[in-house]
C-alpha cells in the first residue's frame, strides 16, 4: 500500500507541484489549502505531514497545528516537516516539535529524499 503524504499549504502552485512529484514517486497524496485538514488527521491517517508555517485564511498557523499533532497520543509519532520561507524556520521547527524543516524555495529532489527518510 502506498504511503500517504498530507500537504497543508495555502499556495495552490506548491500544492499542484507536490501533488505531481509525490504521485510520480508512488505516494498517495492528500492536499489541503487550509489548516482544517489537521482536524481530521485521524481520519486521513497520513504517514507524514508537510506543513507550511503561514496558512492564509486558516484559523491556525503551521506551528499551532504541529504542536497539536505532537501533543496527542494518537499522532505524536507522526513525522511533521515544516516547509516555509520563514527566515527563522529552524527555531520555529524546534519550538513546535517538528521533526524537520525545509526552506522555500526548495529543491524537489531534496524534499522527496527527506520525506523518504521518514517513510522507509
PDB file of N, CA and C in Angstrom:
ATOM      1  N   UNK A   1       0.839  -1.184   0.000  1.00  0.00           N
ATOM      2  CA  UNK A   1       0.000   0.000   0.000  1.00  0.00           C
ATOM      3  C   UNK A   1       0.887   1.251   0.000  1.00  0.00           C
ATOM      4  N   UNK A   2       0.513   2.230  -0.796  1.00  0.00           N
ATOM      5  CA  UNK A   2       1.299   3.457  -0.932  1.00  0.00           C
ATOM      6  C   UNK A   2       1.256   4.268   0.360  1.00  0.00           C
ATOM      7  N   UNK A   3       2.367   4.874   0.677  1.00  0.00           N
ATOM      8  CA  UNK A   3       2.433   5.764   1.835  1.00  0.00           C
ATOM      9  C   UNK A   3       1.652   7.036   1.518  1.00  0.00           C
ATOM     10  N   UNK A   4       0.999   7.579   2.536  1.00  0.00           N
ATOM     11  CA  UNK A   4       0.156   8.761   2.361  1.00  0.00           C
ATOM     12  C   UNK A   4       0.843   9.997   2.913  1.00  0.00           C
ATOM     13  N   UNK A   5       0.943  11.029   2.066  1.00  0.00           N
ATOM     14  CA  UNK A   5       1.551  12.301   2.418  1.00  0.00           C
ATOM     15  C   UNK A   5       0.445  13.355   2.497  1.00  0.00           C
ATOM     16  N   UNK A   6       0.343  14.035   3.623  1.00  0.00           N
ATOM     17  CA  UNK A   6      -0.598  15.145   3.781  1.00  0.00           C
ATOM     18  C   UNK A   6       0.190  16.437   3.641  1.00  0.00           C
ATOM     19  N   UNK A   7      -0.231  17.274   2.685  1.00  0.00           N
ATOM     20  CA  UNK A   7       0.409  18.571   2.481  1.00  0.00           C
ATOM     21  C   UNK A   7      -0.597  19.661   2.825  1.00  0.00           C
ATOM     22  N   UNK A   8      -0.222  20.537   3.752  1.00  0.00           N
ATOM     23  CA  UNK A   8      -1.067  21.671   4.132  1.00  0.00           C
ATOM     24  C   UNK A   8      -0.289  22.940   3.789  1.00  0.00           C
ATOM     25  N   UNK A   9      -0.777  23.652   2.779  1.00  0.00           N
ATOM     26  CA  UNK A   9      -0.111  24.864   2.298  1.00  0.00           C
ATOM     27  C   UNK A   9      -1.150  25.713   1.589  1.00  0.00           C
ATOM     28  N   UNK A  10      -1.127  27.020   1.808  1.00  0.00           N
ATOM     29  CA  UNK A  10      -2.111  27.897   1.168  1.00  0.00           C
ATOM     30  C   UNK A  10      -1.737  28.263  -0.266  1.00  0.00           C
ATOM     31  N   UNK A  11      -0.563  27.886  -0.717  1.00  0.00           N
ATOM     32  CA  UNK A  11      -0.097  28.205  -2.065  1.00  0.00           C
ATOM     33  C   UNK A  11      -0.511  27.088  -3.025  1.00  0.00           C
ATOM     34  N   UNK A  12      -1.480  27.393  -3.877  1.00  0.00           N
ATOM     35  CA  UNK A  12      -2.012  26.392  -4.813  1.00  0.00           C
ATOM     36  C   UNK A  12      -0.929  25.856  -5.753  1.00  0.00           C
ATOM     37  N   UNK A  13       0.021  26.705  -6.150  1.00  0.00           N
ATOM     38  CA  UNK A  13       1.100  26.251  -7.033  1.00  0.00           C
ATOM     39  C   UNK A  13       1.964  25.198  -6.345  1.00  0.00           C
ATOM     40  N   UNK A  14       2.273  25.425  -5.079  1.00  0.00           N
ATOM     41  CA  UNK A  14       3.060  24.447  -4.313  1.00  0.00           C
ATOM     42  C   UNK A  14       2.286  23.135  -4.215  1.00  0.00           C
ATOM     43  N   UNK A  15       0.991  23.226  -3.910  1.00  0.00           N
ATOM     44  CA  UNK A  15       0.173  22.017  -3.801  1.00  0.00           C
ATOM     45  C   UNK A  15       0.176  21.233  -5.111  1.00  0.00           C
ATOM     46  N   UNK A  16       0.035  21.938  -6.223  1.00  0.00           N
ATOM     47  CA  UNK A  16      -0.001  21.280  -7.524  1.00  0.00           C
ATOM     48  C   UNK A  16       1.336  20.598  -7.839  1.00  0.00           C
ATOM     49  N   UNK A  17       2.434  21.306  -7.586  1.00  0.00           N
ATOM     50  CA  UNK A  17       3.764  20.743  -7.843  1.00  0.00           C
ATOM     51  C   UNK A  17       3.993  19.499  -6.982  1.00  0.00           C
ATOM     52  N   UNK A  18       3.696  19.602  -5.688  1.00  0.00           N
ATOM     53  CA  UNK A  18       3.922  18.475  -4.795  1.00  0.00           C
ATOM     54  C   UNK A  18       3.011  17.303  -5.129  1.00  0.00           C
ATOM     55  N   UNK A  19       1.800  17.584  -5.577  1.00  0.00           N
ATOM     56  CA  UNK A  19       0.886  16.532  -5.989  1.00  0.00           C
ATOM     57  C   UNK A  19       1.507  15.712  -7.117  1.00  0.00           C
ATOM     58  N   UNK A  20       2.001  16.391  -8.134  1.00  0.00           N
ATOM     59  CA  UNK A  20       2.606  15.709  -9.276  1.00  0.00           C
ATOM     60  C   UNK A  20       3.855  14.933  -8.845  1.00  0.00           C
ATOM     61  N   UNK A  21       4.736  15.588  -8.112  1.00  0.00           N
ATOM     62  CA  UNK A  21       6.010  14.972  -7.714  1.00  0.00           C
ATOM     63  C   UNK A  21       5.781  13.719  -6.872  1.00  0.00           C
ATOM     64  N   UNK A  22       4.933  13.811  -5.865  1.00  0.00           N
ATOM     65  CA  UNK A  22       4.754  12.660  -4.979  1.00  0.00           C
ATOM     66  C   UNK A  22       3.973  11.534  -5.654  1.00  0.00           C
ATOM     67  N   UNK A  23       3.013  11.867  -6.500  1.00  0.00           N
ATOM     68  CA  UNK A  23       2.310  10.811  -7.236  1.00  0.00           C
ATOM     69  C   UNK A  23       3.268  10.084  -8.168  1.00  0.00           C
ATOM     70  N   UNK A  24       4.142  10.831  -8.844  1.00  0.00           N
ATOM     71  CA  UNK A  24       5.127  10.214  -9.729  1.00  0.00           C
ATOM     72  C   UNK A  24       6.086   9.301  -8.966  1.00  0.00           C
ATOM     73  N   UNK A  25       6.280   9.573  -7.684  1.00  0.00           N
ATOM     74  CA  UNK A  25       7.158   8.749  -6.855  1.00  0.00           C
ATOM     75  C   UNK A  25       6.400   7.657  -6.103  1.00  0.00           C
ATOM     76  N   UNK A  26       5.135   7.447  -6.463  1.00  0.00           N
ATOM     77  CA  UNK A  26       4.379   6.332  -5.925  1.00  0.00           C
ATOM     78  C   UNK A  26       3.675   6.561  -4.607  1.00  0.00           C
ATOM     79  N   UNK A  27       3.543   7.816  -4.202  1.00  0.00           N
ATOM     80  CA  UNK A  27       2.864   8.128  -2.949  1.00  0.00           C
ATOM     81  C   UNK A  27       1.409   8.498  -3.195  1.00  0.00           C
ATOM     82  N   UNK A  28       0.592   8.226  -2.200  1.00  0.00           N
ATOM     83  CA  UNK A  28      -0.774   8.750  -2.200  1.00  0.00           C
ATOM     84  C   UNK A  28      -0.678  10.111  -1.532  1.00  0.00           C
ATOM     85  N   UNK A  29      -1.312  11.114  -2.098  1.00  0.00           N
ATOM     86  CA  UNK A  29      -1.165  12.464  -1.558  1.00  0.00           C
ATOM     87  C   UNK A  29      -2.527  13.067  -1.249  1.00  0.00           C
ATOM     88  N   UNK A  30      -2.600  13.729  -0.103  1.00  0.00           N
ATOM     89  CA  UNK A  30      -3.798  14.447   0.318  1.00  0.00           C
ATOM     90  C   UNK A  30      -3.382  15.903   0.441  1.00  0.00           C
ATOM     91  N   UNK A  31      -4.083  16.778  -0.271  1.00  0.00           N
ATOM     92  CA  UNK A  31      -3.739  18.199  -0.301  1.00  0.00           C
ATOM     93  C   UNK A  31      -4.786  19.028   0.421  1.00  0.00           C
ATOM     94  N   UNK A  32      -4.324  20.047   1.116  1.00  0.00           N
ATOM     95  CA  UNK A  32      -5.241  20.966   1.783  1.00  0.00           C
ATOM     96  C   UNK A  32      -4.660  22.372   1.733  1.00  0.00           C
ATOM     97  N   UNK A  33      -5.495  23.339   1.336  1.00  0.00           N
ATOM     98  CA  UNK A  33      -5.034  24.728   1.319  1.00  0.00           C
ATOM     99  C   UNK A  33      -5.474  25.469   2.576  1.00  0.00           C
ATOM    100  N   UNK A  34      -5.988  24.731   3.556  1.00  0.00           N
ATOM    101  CA  UNK A  34      -6.325  25.303   4.858  1.00  0.00           C
ATOM    102  C   UNK A  34      -5.816  24.352   5.945  1.00  0.00           C
ATOM    103  N   UNK A  35      -5.747  24.848   7.139  1.00  0.00           N
ATOM    104  CA  UNK A  35      -5.321  24.018   8.252  1.00  0.00           C
ATOM    105  C   UNK A  35      -6.388  23.076   8.760  1.00  0.00           C
ATOM    106  N   UNK A  36      -7.589  23.159   8.201  1.00  0.00           N
ATOM    107  CA  UNK A  36      -8.703  22.333   8.685  1.00  0.00           C
ATOM    108  C   UNK A  36      -8.442  20.846   8.524  1.00  0.00           C
ATOM    109  N   UNK A  37      -7.615  20.467   7.557  1.00  0.00           N
ATOM    110  CA  UNK A  37      -7.302  19.047   7.370  1.00  0.00           C
ATOM    111  C   UNK A  37      -6.683  18.456   8.628  1.00  0.00           C
ATOM    112  N   UNK A  38      -5.972  19.277   9.382  1.00  0.00           N
ATOM    113  CA  UNK A  38      -5.335  18.798  10.611  1.00  0.00           C
ATOM    114  C   UNK A  38      -6.372  18.339  11.631  1.00  0.00           C
ATOM    115  N   UNK A  39      -7.578  18.890  11.568  1.00  0.00           N
ATOM    116  CA  UNK A  39      -8.640  18.471  12.479  1.00  0.00           C
ATOM    117  C   UNK A  39      -9.140  17.067  12.155  1.00  0.00           C
ATOM    118  N   UNK A  40      -8.795  16.571  10.977  1.00  0.00           N
ATOM    119  CA  UNK A  40      -9.258  15.258  10.528  1.00  0.00           C
ATOM    120  C   UNK A  40      -8.097  14.283  10.337  1.00  0.00           C
ATOM    121  N   UNK A  41      -7.026  14.523  11.038  1.00  0.00           N
ATOM    122  CA  UNK A  41      -5.808  13.737  10.828  1.00  0.00           C
ATOM    123  C   UNK A  41      -6.008  12.266  11.166  1.00  0.00           C
ATOM    124  N   UNK A  42      -6.853  11.967  12.138  1.00  0.00           N
ATOM    125  CA  UNK A  42      -7.103  10.571  12.490  1.00  0.00           C
ATOM    126  C   UNK A  42      -7.935   9.857  11.427  1.00  0.00           C
ATOM    127  N   UNK A  43      -8.670  10.614  10.632  1.00  0.00           N
ATOM    128  CA  UNK A  43      -9.432  10.034   9.516  1.00  0.00           C
ATOM    129  C   UNK A  43      -8.536   9.895   8.287  1.00  0.00           C
ATOM    130  N   UNK A  44      -7.752  10.927   8.009  1.00  0.00           N
ATOM    131  CA  UNK A  44      -6.858  10.933   6.838  1.00  0.00           C
ATOM    132  C   UNK A  44      -5.746   9.896   7.007  1.00  0.00           C
ATOM    133  N   UNK A  45      -5.251   9.731   8.206  1.00  0.00           N
ATOM    134  CA  UNK A  45      -4.185   8.802   8.555  1.00  0.00           C
ATOM    135  C   UNK A  45      -2.956   8.915   7.640  1.00  0.00           C
ATOM    136  N   UNK A  46      -2.352  10.093   7.608  1.00  0.00           N
ATOM    137  CA  UNK A  46      -1.142  10.244   6.788  1.00  0.00           C
ATOM    138  C   UNK A  46       0.044   9.543   7.443  1.00  0.00           C
ATOM    139  N   UNK A  47       1.057   9.274   6.628  1.00  0.00           N
ATOM    140  CA  UNK A  47       2.303   8.713   7.136  1.00  0.00           C
ATOM    141  C   UNK A  47       3.307   9.821   7.436  1.00  0.00           C
ATOM    142  N   UNK A  48       3.055  11.015   6.882  1.00  0.00           N
ATOM    143  CA  UNK A  48       3.886  12.192   7.117  1.00  0.00           C
ATOM    144  C   UNK A  48       3.059  13.431   6.782  1.00  0.00           C
ATOM    145  N   UNK A  49       3.372  14.546   7.441  1.00  0.00           N
ATOM    146  CA  UNK A  49       2.699  15.819   7.173  1.00  0.00           C
ATOM    147  C   UNK A  49       3.737  16.843   6.746  1.00  0.00           C
ATOM    148  N   UNK A  50       3.510  17.466   5.584  1.00  0.00           N
ATOM    149  CA  UNK A  50       4.304  18.599   5.133  1.00  0.00           C
ATOM    150  C   UNK A  50       3.462  19.833   5.393  1.00  0.00           C
ATOM    151  N   UNK A  51       3.987  20.770   6.154  1.00  0.00           N
ATOM    152  CA  UNK A  51       3.174  21.829   6.718  1.00  0.00           C
ATOM    153  C   UNK A  51       3.827  23.193   6.533  1.00  0.00           C
ATOM    154  N   UNK A  52       3.096  24.121   5.923  1.00  0.00           N
ATOM    155  CA  UNK A  52       3.573  25.493   5.790  1.00  0.00           C
ATOM    156  C   UNK A  52       3.426  26.189   7.148  1.00  0.00           C
ATOM    157  N   UNK A  53       4.229  27.214   7.383  1.00  0.00           N
ATOM    158  CA  UNK A  53       4.148  27.957   8.646  1.00  0.00           C
ATOM    159  C   UNK A  53       2.973  28.919   8.620  1.00  0.00           C
ATOM    160  N   UNK A  54       2.876  29.700   7.552  1.00  0.00           N
ATOM    161  CA  UNK A  54       1.767  30.657   7.420  1.00  0.00           C
ATOM    162  C   UNK A  54       0.739  30.086   6.460  1.00  0.00           C
ATOM    163  N   UNK A  55      -0.484  29.951   6.946  1.00  0.00           N
ATOM    164  CA  UNK A  55      -1.560  29.417   6.124  1.00  0.00           C
ATOM    165  C   UNK A  55      -2.652  30.486   6.099  1.00  0.00           C
ATOM    166  N   UNK A  56      -2.637  31.310   5.060  1.00  0.00           N
ATOM    167  CA  UNK A  56      -3.561  32.438   4.942  1.00  0.00           C
ATOM    168  C   UNK A  56      -5.000  31.929   4.930  1.00  0.00           C
ATOM    169  N   UNK A  57      -5.847  32.562   5.738  1.00  0.00           N
ATOM    170  CA  UNK A  57      -7.259  32.208   5.785  1.00  0.00           C
ATOM    171  C   UNK A  57      -7.572  31.040   6.690  1.00  0.00           C
ATOM    172  N   UNK A  58      -6.577  30.531   7.370  1.00  0.00           N
ATOM    173  CA  UNK A  58      -6.780  29.401   8.258  1.00  0.00           C
ATOM    174  C   UNK A  58      -6.830  29.886   9.704  1.00  0.00           C
ATOM    175  N   UNK A  59      -7.625  29.214  10.517  1.00  0.00           N
ATOM    176  CA  UNK A  59      -7.753  29.599  11.922  1.00  0.00           C
ATOM    177  C   UNK A  59      -6.458  29.360  12.694  1.00  0.00           C
ATOM    178  N   UNK A  60      -5.666  28.371  12.258  1.00  0.00           N
ATOM    179  CA  UNK A  60      -4.414  28.037  12.944  1.00  0.00           C
ATOM    180  C   UNK A  60      -3.259  28.157  11.968  1.00  0.00           C
ATOM    181  N   UNK A  61      -2.094  28.524  12.502  1.00  0.00           N
ATOM    182  CA  UNK A  61      -0.903  28.540  11.661  1.00  0.00           C
ATOM    183  C   UNK A  61      -0.187  27.192  11.776  1.00  0.00           C
ATOM    184  N   UNK A  62       0.849  27.012  10.975  1.00  0.00           N
ATOM    185  CA  UNK A  62       1.567  25.748  10.955  1.00  0.00           C
ATOM    186  C   UNK A  62       2.130  25.312  12.296  1.00  0.00           C
ATOM    187  N   UNK A  63       2.820  26.207  13.018  1.00  0.00           N
ATOM    188  CA  UNK A  63       3.344  25.798  14.325  1.00  0.00           C
ATOM    189  C   UNK A  63       2.253  25.364  15.311  1.00  0.00           C
ATOM    190  N   UNK A  64       1.088  26.011  15.276  1.00  0.00           N
ATOM    191  CA  UNK A  64      -0.016  25.604  16.151  1.00  0.00           C
ATOM    192  C   UNK A  64      -0.492  24.198  15.786  1.00  0.00           C
ATOM    193  N   UNK A  65      -0.619  23.949  14.489  1.00  0.00           N
ATOM    194  CA  UNK A  65      -1.036  22.624  14.027  1.00  0.00           C
ATOM    195  C   UNK A  65       0.001  21.580  14.420  1.00  0.00           C
ATOM    196  N   UNK A  66       1.265  21.909  14.237  1.00  0.00           N
ATOM    197  CA  UNK A  66       2.353  20.999  14.603  1.00  0.00           C
ATOM    198  C   UNK A  66       2.292  20.652  16.086  1.00  0.00           C
ATOM    199  N   UNK A  67       2.130  21.657  16.933  1.00  0.00           N
ATOM    200  CA  UNK A  67       2.050  21.419  18.378  1.00  0.00           C
ATOM    201  C   UNK A  67       0.879  20.499  18.718  1.00  0.00           C
ATOM    202  N   UNK A  68      -0.260  20.713  18.049  1.00  0.00           N
ATOM    203  CA  UNK A  68      -1.424  19.858  18.300  1.00  0.00           C
ATOM    204  C   UNK A  68      -1.129  18.408  17.923  1.00  0.00           C
ATOM    205  N   UNK A  69      -0.526  18.215  16.751  1.00  0.00           N
ATOM    206  CA  UNK A  69      -0.194  16.855  16.302  1.00  0.00           C
ATOM    207  C   UNK A  69       0.742  16.190  17.309  1.00  0.00           C
ATOM    208  N   UNK A  70       1.757  16.926  17.737  1.00  0.00           N
ATOM    209  CA  UNK A  70       2.771  16.361  18.631  1.00  0.00           C
ATOM    210  C   UNK A  70       2.283  16.206  20.072  1.00  0.00           C
ATOM    211  N   UNK A  71       1.162  16.832  20.431  1.00  0.00           N
ATOM    212  CA  UNK A  71       0.666  16.745  21.804  1.00  0.00           C
ATOM    213  C   UNK A  71      -0.353  15.626  21.994  1.00  0.00           C
ATOM    214  N   UNK A  72      -0.821  15.031  20.917  1.00  0.00           N
ATOM    215  CA  UNK A  72      -1.834  13.983  21.023  1.00  0.00           C
ATOM    216  C   UNK A  72      -1.176  12.603  20.979  1.00  0.00           C
ATOM    217  N   UNK A  73      -1.629  11.735  21.848  1.00  0.00           N
ATOM    218  CA  UNK A  73      -1.058  10.390  21.941  1.00  0.00           C
ATOM    219  C   UNK A  73      -1.164   9.656  20.598  1.00  0.00           C
ATOM    220  N   UNK A  74      -2.279   9.799  19.912  1.00  0.00           N
ATOM    221  CA  UNK A  74      -2.504   9.040  18.673  1.00  0.00           C
ATOM    222  C   UNK A  74      -1.688   9.548  17.491  1.00  0.00           C
ATOM    223  N   UNK A  75      -1.192  10.793  17.565  1.00  0.00           N
ATOM    224  CA  UNK A  75      -0.459  11.358  16.426  1.00  0.00           C
ATOM    225  C   UNK A  75       0.959  11.809  16.781  1.00  0.00           C
ATOM    226  N   UNK A  76       1.364  11.618  18.006  1.00  0.00           N
ATOM    227  CA  UNK A  76       2.662  12.096  18.484  1.00  0.00           C
ATOM    228  C   UNK A  76       3.830  11.599  17.631  1.00  0.00           C
ATOM    229  N   UNK A  77       3.751  10.354  17.146  1.00  0.00           N
ATOM    230  CA  UNK A  77       4.850   9.759  16.375  1.00  0.00           C
ATOM    231  C   UNK A  77       4.800  10.120  14.891  1.00  0.00           C
ATOM    232  N   UNK A  78       3.755  10.818  14.452  1.00  0.00           N
ATOM    233  CA  UNK A  78       3.609  11.202  13.053  1.00  0.00           C
ATOM    234  C   UNK A  78       4.669  12.238  12.683  1.00  0.00           C
ATOM    235  N   UNK A  79       5.509  11.943  11.668  1.00  0.00           N
ATOM    236  CA  UNK A  79       6.520  12.927  11.277  1.00  0.00           C
ATOM    237  C   UNK A  79       5.880  14.192  10.697  1.00  0.00           C
ATOM    238  N   UNK A  80       6.346  15.349  11.166  1.00  0.00           N
ATOM    239  CA  UNK A  80       5.890  16.644  10.670  1.00  0.00           C
ATOM    240  C   UNK A  80       7.108  17.398  10.150  1.00  0.00           C
ATOM    241  N   UNK A  81       7.035  17.830   8.893  1.00  0.00           N
ATOM    242  CA  UNK A  81       8.106  18.595   8.274  1.00  0.00           C
ATOM    243  C   UNK A  81       7.553  19.967   7.912  1.00  0.00           C
ATOM    244  N   UNK A  82       8.122  21.019   8.490  1.00  0.00           N
ATOM    245  CA  UNK A  82       7.721  22.372   8.127  1.00  0.00           C
ATOM    246  C   UNK A  82       8.384  22.737   6.810  1.00  0.00           C
ATOM    247  N   UNK A  83       7.594  23.291   5.898  1.00  0.00           N
ATOM    248  CA  UNK A  83       8.097  23.734   4.590  1.00  0.00           C
ATOM    249  C   UNK A  83       7.690  25.193   4.460  1.00  0.00           C
ATOM    250  N   UNK A  84       8.685  26.097   4.550  1.00  0.00           N
ATOM    251  CA  UNK A  84       8.342  27.511   4.619  1.00  0.00           C
ATOM    252  C   UNK A  84       9.508  28.390   4.185  1.00  0.00           C
ATOM    253  N   UNK A  85       9.183  29.624   3.886  1.00  0.00           N
ATOM    254  CA  UNK A  85      10.186  30.618   3.538  1.00  0.00           C
ATOM    255  C   UNK A  85      10.569  31.496   4.718  1.00  0.00           C
ATOM    256  N   UNK A  86      10.108  31.165   5.907  1.00  0.00           N
ATOM    257  CA  UNK A  86      10.426  31.951   7.100  1.00  0.00           C
ATOM    258  C   UNK A  86      11.925  31.938   7.359  1.00  0.00           C
ATOM    259  N   UNK A  87      12.472  33.089   7.731  1.00  0.00           N
ATOM    260  CA  UNK A  87      13.917  33.181   7.953  1.00  0.00           C
ATOM    261  C   UNK A  87      14.361  32.452   9.221  1.00  0.00           C
ATOM    262  N   UNK A  88      13.492  32.340  10.209  1.00  0.00           N
ATOM    263  CA  UNK A  88      13.841  31.664  11.459  1.00  0.00           C
ATOM    264  C   UNK A  88      13.186  30.286  11.546  1.00  0.00           C
ATOM    265  N   UNK A  89      13.155  29.597  10.418  1.00  0.00           N
ATOM    266  CA  UNK A  89      12.459  28.318  10.314  1.00  0.00           C
ATOM    267  C   UNK A  89      13.008  27.264  11.276  1.00  0.00           C
ATOM    268  N   UNK A  90      14.308  27.229  11.465  1.00  0.00           N
ATOM    269  CA  UNK A  90      14.903  26.241  12.377  1.00  0.00           C
ATOM    270  C   UNK A  90      14.378  26.436  13.804  1.00  0.00           C
ATOM    271  N   UNK A  91      14.281  27.673  14.235  1.00  0.00           N
ATOM    272  CA  UNK A  91      13.775  27.977  15.580  1.00  0.00           C
ATOM    273  C   UNK A  91      12.296  27.605  15.691  1.00  0.00           C
ATOM    274  N   UNK A  92      11.521  27.976  14.686  1.00  0.00           N
ATOM    275  CA  UNK A  92      10.081  27.658  14.682  1.00  0.00           C
ATOM    276  C   UNK A  92       9.879  26.152  14.747  1.00  0.00           C
ATOM    277  N   UNK A  93      10.636  25.406  13.939  1.00  0.00           N
ATOM    278  CA  UNK A  93      10.507  23.944  13.904  1.00  0.00           C
ATOM    279  C   UNK A  93      10.839  23.336  15.268  1.00  0.00           C
ATOM    280  N   UNK A  94      11.911  23.806  15.872  1.00  0.00           N
ATOM    281  CA  UNK A  94      12.315  23.283  17.172  1.00  0.00           C
ATOM    282  C   UNK A  94      11.249  23.584  18.237  1.00  0.00           C
ATOM    283  N   UNK A  95      10.724  24.820  18.220  1.00  0.00           N
ATOM    284  CA  UNK A  95       9.759  25.231  19.245  1.00  0.00           C
ATOM    285  C   UNK A  95       8.428  24.488  19.143  1.00  0.00           C
ATOM    286  N   UNK A  96       8.018  24.109  17.941  1.00  0.00           N
ATOM    287  CA  UNK A  96       6.718  23.436  17.817  1.00  0.00           C
ATOM    288  C   UNK A  96       6.853  21.913  17.816  1.00  0.00           C
ATOM    289  N   UNK A  97       8.084  21.415  17.807  1.00  0.00           N
ATOM    290  CA  UNK A  97       8.304  19.969  17.878  1.00  0.00           C
ATOM    291  C   UNK A  97       8.344  19.270  16.534  1.00  0.00           C
ATOM    292  N   UNK A  98       8.497  20.035  15.452  1.00  0.00           N
ATOM    293  CA  UNK A  98       8.574  19.425  14.111  1.00  0.00           C
ATOM    294  C   UNK A  98       9.786  18.505  14.034  1.00  0.00           C
ATOM    295  N   UNK A  99       9.666  17.478  13.227  1.00  0.00           N
ATOM    296  CA  UNK A  99      10.759  16.527  13.059  1.00  0.00           C
ATOM    297  C   UNK A  99      11.851  17.070  12.149  1.00  0.00           C
ATOM    298  N   UNK A 100      11.465  17.951  11.223  1.00  0.00           N
ATOM    299  CA  UNK A 100      12.427  18.511  10.274  1.00  0.00           C
ATOM    300  C   UNK A 100      11.823  19.772   9.671  1.00  0.00           C
ATOM    301  N   UNK A 101      12.633  20.449   8.872  1.00  0.00           N
ATOM    302  CA  UNK A 101      12.147  21.619   8.151  1.00  0.00           C
ATOM    303  C   UNK A 101      12.879  21.724   6.827  1.00  0.00           C
ATOM    304  N   UNK A 102      12.202  22.319   5.863  1.00  0.00           N
ATOM    305  CA  UNK A 102      12.781  22.555   4.540  1.00  0.00           C
ATOM    306  C   UNK A 102      12.426  23.975   4.145  1.00  0.00           C
ATOM    307  N   UNK A 103      13.450  24.756   3.797  1.00  0.00           N
ATOM    308  CA  UNK A 103      13.230  26.151   3.432  1.00  0.00           C
ATOM    309  C   UNK A 103      12.755  26.276   1.984  1.00  0.00           C
ATOM    310  N   UNK A 104      11.784  27.162   1.778  1.00  0.00           N
ATOM    311  CA  UNK A 104      11.365  27.534   0.423  1.00  0.00           C
ATOM    312  C   UNK A 104      12.266  28.663  -0.041  1.00  0.00           C
ATOM    313  N   UNK A 105      12.640  28.720  -1.284  1.00  0.00           N
ATOM    314  CA  UNK A 105      12.351  27.729  -2.315  1.00  0.00           C
ATOM    315  C   UNK A 105      13.188  26.477  -2.064  1.00  0.00           C
ATOM    316  N   UNK A 106      12.603  25.320  -2.313  1.00  0.00           N
ATOM    317  CA  UNK A 106      13.280  24.067  -2.027  1.00  0.00           C
ATOM    318  C   UNK A 106      13.627  23.349  -3.319  1.00  0.00           C
ATOM    319  N   UNK A 107      14.601  22.473  -3.206  1.00  0.00           N
ATOM    320  CA  UNK A 107      14.952  21.586  -4.300  1.00  0.00           C
ATOM    321  C   UNK A 107      14.028  20.368  -4.190  1.00  0.00           C
ATOM    322  N   UNK A 108      13.322  20.063  -5.260  1.00  0.00           N
ATOM    323  CA  UNK A 108      12.328  18.988  -5.236  1.00  0.00           C
ATOM    324  C   UNK A 108      12.964  17.654  -4.852  1.00  0.00           C
ATOM    325  N   UNK A 109      14.147  17.376  -5.370  1.00  0.00           N
ATOM    326  CA  UNK A 109      14.802  16.104  -5.072  1.00  0.00           C
ATOM    327  C   UNK A 109      15.180  16.013  -3.593  1.00  0.00           C
ATOM    328  N   UNK A 110      15.613  17.131  -3.007  1.00  0.00           N
ATOM    329  CA  UNK A 110      15.926  17.155  -1.578  1.00  0.00           C
ATOM    330  C   UNK A 110      14.674  16.920  -0.741  1.00  0.00           C
ATOM    331  N   UNK A 111      13.572  17.535  -1.156  1.00  0.00           N
ATOM    332  CA  UNK A 111      12.316  17.373  -0.432  1.00  0.00           C
ATOM    333  C   UNK A 111      11.874  15.915  -0.457  1.00  0.00           C
ATOM    334  N   UNK A 112      11.873  15.315  -1.637  1.00  0.00           N
ATOM    335  CA  UNK A 112      11.462  13.910  -1.758  1.00  0.00           C
ATOM    336  C   UNK A 112      12.393  13.015  -0.943  1.00  0.00           C
ATOM    337  N   UNK A 113      13.688  13.275  -0.997  1.00  0.00           N
ATOM    338  CA  UNK A 113      14.654  12.470  -0.239  1.00  0.00           C
ATOM    339  C   UNK A 113      14.396  12.577   1.266  1.00  0.00           C
ATOM    340  N   UNK A 114      14.087  13.782   1.723  1.00  0.00           N
ATOM    341  CA  UNK A 114      13.829  13.966   3.160  1.00  0.00           C
ATOM    342  C   UNK A 114      12.556  13.232   3.572  1.00  0.00           C
ATOM    343  N   UNK A 115      11.525  13.319   2.749  1.00  0.00           N
ATOM    344  CA  UNK A 115      10.272  12.610   3.046  1.00  0.00           C
ATOM    345  C   UNK A 115      10.536  11.105   3.076  1.00  0.00           C
ATOM    346  N   UNK A 116      11.291  10.604   2.111  1.00  0.00           N
ATOM    347  CA  UNK A 116      11.563   9.172   2.049  1.00  0.00           C
ATOM    348  C   UNK A 116      12.310   8.673   3.276  1.00  0.00           C
ATOM    349  N   UNK A 117      13.154   9.514   3.872  1.00  0.00           N
ATOM    350  CA  UNK A 117      13.853   9.130   5.100  1.00  0.00           C
ATOM    351  C   UNK A 117      12.877   8.751   6.206  1.00  0.00           C
ATOM    352  N   UNK A 118      11.750   9.453   6.266  1.00  0.00           N
ATOM    353  CA  UNK A 118      10.769   9.190   7.322  1.00  0.00           C
ATOM    354  C   UNK A 118       9.823   8.054   6.974  1.00  0.00           C
ATOM    355  N   UNK A 119       9.759   7.685   5.715  1.00  0.00           N
ATOM    356  CA  UNK A 119       8.772   6.693   5.286  1.00  0.00           C
ATOM    357  C   UNK A 119       9.362   5.327   4.975  1.00  0.00           C
ATOM    358  N   UNK A 120      10.644   5.157   5.224  1.00  0.00           N
ATOM    359  CA  UNK A 120      11.287   3.853   4.935  1.00  0.00           C
ATOM    360  C   UNK A 120      10.901   2.851   6.001  1.00  0.00           C
TER     361      UNK A 120
END
